[in-house]
């Protein structure tokens, strides 16, 4: 098992389609590292290439998945409404995120 733990600052952005979703894009270098380990079958691949993570923003911790974005060439982290409300996050905010991933 490979553990990848890191902190980064990313901008919260809004995706609108079937519903409205808030995301933060992971750094490209960390996305490449995650993709390398998940592609080499160190972990079980999930739907849409997602990877399970534990996320922490401002002390609010939750379990979720990150998803690969081909257009961004990076993984994206969805931010639940509950977390956004508790941490007062809106689209356009720079947010510090601690991610813990076991692949």
C-alpha atoms as a PDB file:
ATOM      1  CA  UNK A   1       0.000   0.000   0.000  1.00  0.00           C
ATOM      2  CA  UNK A   2       1.217   3.483  -0.908  1.00  0.00           C
ATOM      3  CA  UNK A   3       0.321   6.487   1.261  1.00  0.00           C
ATOM      4  CA  UNK A   4       0.303   9.898  -0.398  1.00  0.00           C
ATOM      5  CA  UNK A   5      -0.335  12.775   1.998  1.00  0.00           C
ATOM      6  CA  UNK A   6       0.052  16.417   1.071  1.00  0.00           C
ATOM      7  CA  UNK A   7      -1.261  19.927   1.644  1.00  0.00           C
ATOM      8  CA  UNK A   8      -1.959  22.364  -1.177  1.00  0.00           C
ATOM      9  CA  UNK A   9      -3.820  25.580  -1.880  1.00  0.00           C
ATOM     10  CA  UNK A  10      -6.299  25.581  -4.744  1.00  0.00           C
ATOM     11  CA  UNK A  11      -9.081  27.794  -6.037  1.00  0.00           C
ATOM     12  CA  UNK A  12     -12.662  26.642  -5.510  1.00  0.00           C
ATOM     13  CA  UNK A  13     -14.512  26.655  -8.825  1.00  0.00           C
ATOM     14  CA  UNK A  14     -18.041  25.968  -9.953  1.00  0.00           C
ATOM     15  CA  UNK A  15     -19.148  23.390 -12.518  1.00  0.00           C
ATOM     16  CA  UNK A  16     -22.671  23.593 -13.828  1.00  0.00           C
ATOM     17  CA  UNK A  17     -24.336  20.825 -15.740  1.00  0.00           C
ATOM     18  CA  UNK A  18     -26.892  18.454 -14.281  1.00  0.00           C
ATOM     19  CA  UNK A  19     -26.726  20.254 -10.969  1.00  0.00           C
ATOM     20  CA  UNK A  20     -24.084  22.592  -9.619  1.00  0.00           C
ATOM     21  CA  UNK A  21     -20.861  21.257  -8.126  1.00  0.00           C
ATOM     22  CA  UNK A  22     -17.910  22.956  -6.438  1.00  0.00           C
ATOM     23  CA  UNK A  23     -14.407  21.565  -7.023  1.00  0.00           C
ATOM     24  CA  UNK A  24     -10.771  22.264  -6.254  1.00  0.00           C
ATOM     25  CA  UNK A  25      -8.151  21.148  -8.778  1.00  0.00           C
ATOM     26  CA  UNK A  26      -5.186  19.220  -7.370  1.00  0.00           C
ATOM     27  CA  UNK A  27      -1.645  20.250  -8.348  1.00  0.00           C
ATOM     28  CA  UNK A  28      -0.530  18.653 -11.606  1.00  0.00           C
ATOM     29  CA  UNK A  29       2.608  17.035 -10.104  1.00  0.00           C
ATOM     30  CA  UNK A  30       0.589  15.335  -7.356  1.00  0.00           C
ATOM     31  CA  UNK A  31      -2.058  14.302  -9.890  1.00  0.00           C
ATOM     32  CA  UNK A  32       0.652  12.612 -11.978  1.00  0.00           C
ATOM     33  CA  UNK A  33       1.946  10.783  -8.886  1.00  0.00           C
ATOM     34  CA  UNK A  34      -1.550   9.586  -7.951  1.00  0.00           C
ATOM     35  CA  UNK A  35      -2.239   8.487 -11.539  1.00  0.00           C
ATOM     36  CA  UNK A  36       1.066   6.595 -11.712  1.00  0.00           C
ATOM     37  CA  UNK A  37       0.310   4.546  -8.600  1.00  0.00           C
ATOM     38  CA  UNK A  38      -3.372   3.963  -9.395  1.00  0.00           C
ATOM     39  CA  UNK A  39      -2.588   2.995 -13.034  1.00  0.00           C
ATOM     40  CA  UNK A  40      -0.006   0.475 -11.881  1.00  0.00           C
ATOM     41  CA  UNK A  41      -2.671  -1.391  -9.910  1.00  0.00           C
ATOM     42  CA  UNK A  42      -1.391  -0.568  -6.455  1.00  0.00           C
ATOM     43  CA  UNK A  43      -5.015   0.142  -5.601  1.00  0.00           C
ATOM     44  CA  UNK A  44      -8.412  -0.849  -6.902  1.00  0.00           C
ATOM     45  CA  UNK A  45      -9.666   1.356  -9.727  1.00  0.00           C
ATOM     46  CA  UNK A  46     -13.103   2.753  -9.109  1.00  0.00           C
ATOM     47  CA  UNK A  47     -15.758   4.203 -11.406  1.00  0.00           C
ATOM     48  CA  UNK A  48     -14.591   7.021 -13.723  1.00  0.00           C
ATOM     49  CA  UNK A  49     -11.013   6.461 -12.536  1.00  0.00           C
ATOM     50  CA  UNK A  50     -11.820   7.882  -9.103  1.00  0.00           C
ATOM     51  CA  UNK A  51      -9.541   7.445  -6.095  1.00  0.00           C
ATOM     52  CA  UNK A  52     -10.796   7.378  -2.480  1.00  0.00           C
ATOM     53  CA  UNK A  53      -9.335  10.094  -0.220  1.00  0.00           C
ATOM     54  CA  UNK A  54      -9.680  11.676   3.182  1.00  0.00           C
ATOM     55  CA  UNK A  55      -9.905  15.461   2.832  1.00  0.00           C
ATOM     56  CA  UNK A  56      -9.402  18.118   5.504  1.00  0.00           C
ATOM     57  CA  UNK A  57     -10.266  21.785   5.075  1.00  0.00           C
ATOM     58  CA  UNK A  58      -9.966  23.984   8.160  1.00  0.00           C
ATOM     59  CA  UNK A  59     -10.399  21.001  10.485  1.00  0.00           C
ATOM     60  CA  UNK A  60     -13.474  19.672   8.672  1.00  0.00           C
ATOM     61  CA  UNK A  61     -12.587  16.116   7.645  1.00  0.00           C
ATOM     62  CA  UNK A  62     -14.582  13.925   5.280  1.00  0.00           C
ATOM     63  CA  UNK A  63     -14.183  10.850   3.093  1.00  0.00           C
ATOM     64  CA  UNK A  64     -14.731  11.342  -0.626  1.00  0.00           C
ATOM     65  CA  UNK A  65     -13.191  10.566  -4.016  1.00  0.00           C
ATOM     66  CA  UNK A  66     -11.093  12.586  -6.425  1.00  0.00           C
ATOM     67  CA  UNK A  67     -11.750  12.306 -10.151  1.00  0.00           C
ATOM     68  CA  UNK A  68      -9.422  12.667 -13.138  1.00  0.00           C
ATOM     69  CA  UNK A  69     -10.179  15.581 -15.455  1.00  0.00           C
ATOM     70  CA  UNK A  70      -8.803  15.095 -18.951  1.00  0.00           C
ATOM     71  CA  UNK A  71      -9.245  18.754 -19.879  1.00  0.00           C
ATOM     72  CA  UNK A  72      -7.362  19.942 -16.765  1.00  0.00           C
ATOM     73  CA  UNK A  73      -4.865  17.056 -16.820  1.00  0.00           C
ATOM     74  CA  UNK A  74      -5.287  16.788 -13.049  1.00  0.00           C
ATOM     75  CA  UNK A  75      -7.559  15.268 -10.438  1.00  0.00           C
ATOM     76  CA  UNK A  76     -10.422  17.332  -9.042  1.00  0.00           C
ATOM     77  CA  UNK A  77     -11.799  17.267  -5.497  1.00  0.00           C
ATOM     78  CA  UNK A  78     -15.550  17.834  -5.021  1.00  0.00           C
ATOM     79  CA  UNK A  79     -16.385  20.052  -2.029  1.00  0.00           C
ATOM     80  CA  UNK A  80     -19.649  19.110  -0.300  1.00  0.00           C
ATOM     81  CA  UNK A  81     -22.164  21.840   0.566  1.00  0.00           C
ATOM     82  CA  UNK A  82     -21.835  20.954   4.260  1.00  0.00           C
ATOM     83  CA  UNK A  83     -18.076  21.619   4.161  1.00  0.00           C
ATOM     84  CA  UNK A  84     -18.477  24.838   2.135  1.00  0.00           C
ATOM     85  CA  UNK A  85     -21.048  26.189   4.584  1.00  0.00           C
ATOM     86  CA  UNK A  86     -19.053  25.241   7.684  1.00  0.00           C
ATOM     87  CA  UNK A  87     -15.811  26.743   6.299  1.00  0.00           C
ATOM     88  CA  UNK A  88     -17.555  29.664   4.500  1.00  0.00           C
ATOM     89  CA  UNK A  89     -16.130  28.708   1.103  1.00  0.00           C
ATOM     90  CA  UNK A  90     -17.504  30.180  -2.118  1.00  0.00           C
ATOM     91  CA  UNK A  91     -16.431  29.833  -5.740  1.00  0.00           C
ATOM     92  CA  UNK A  92     -13.273  31.860  -6.341  1.00  0.00           C
ATOM     93  CA  UNK A  93     -11.843  31.350  -2.841  1.00  0.00           C
ATOM     94  CA  UNK A  94      -8.308  30.030  -2.404  1.00  0.00           C
ATOM     95  CA  UNK A  95      -8.585  27.025  -0.075  1.00  0.00           C
ATOM     96  CA  UNK A  96      -5.938  25.065   1.826  1.00  0.00           C
ATOM     97  CA  UNK A  97      -6.553  21.335   1.589  1.00  0.00           C
ATOM     98  CA  UNK A  98      -4.888  18.385   3.310  1.00  0.00           C
ATOM     99  CA  UNK A  99      -5.392  15.146   1.349  1.00  0.00           C
ATOM    100  CA  UNK A 100      -4.611  11.650   2.593  1.00  0.00           C
ATOM    101  CA  UNK A 101      -4.645   8.881   0.021  1.00  0.00           C
ATOM    102  CA  UNK A 102      -3.931   5.180   0.440  1.00  0.00           C
ATOM    103  CA  UNK A 103      -3.515   3.377  -2.869  1.00  0.00           C
END
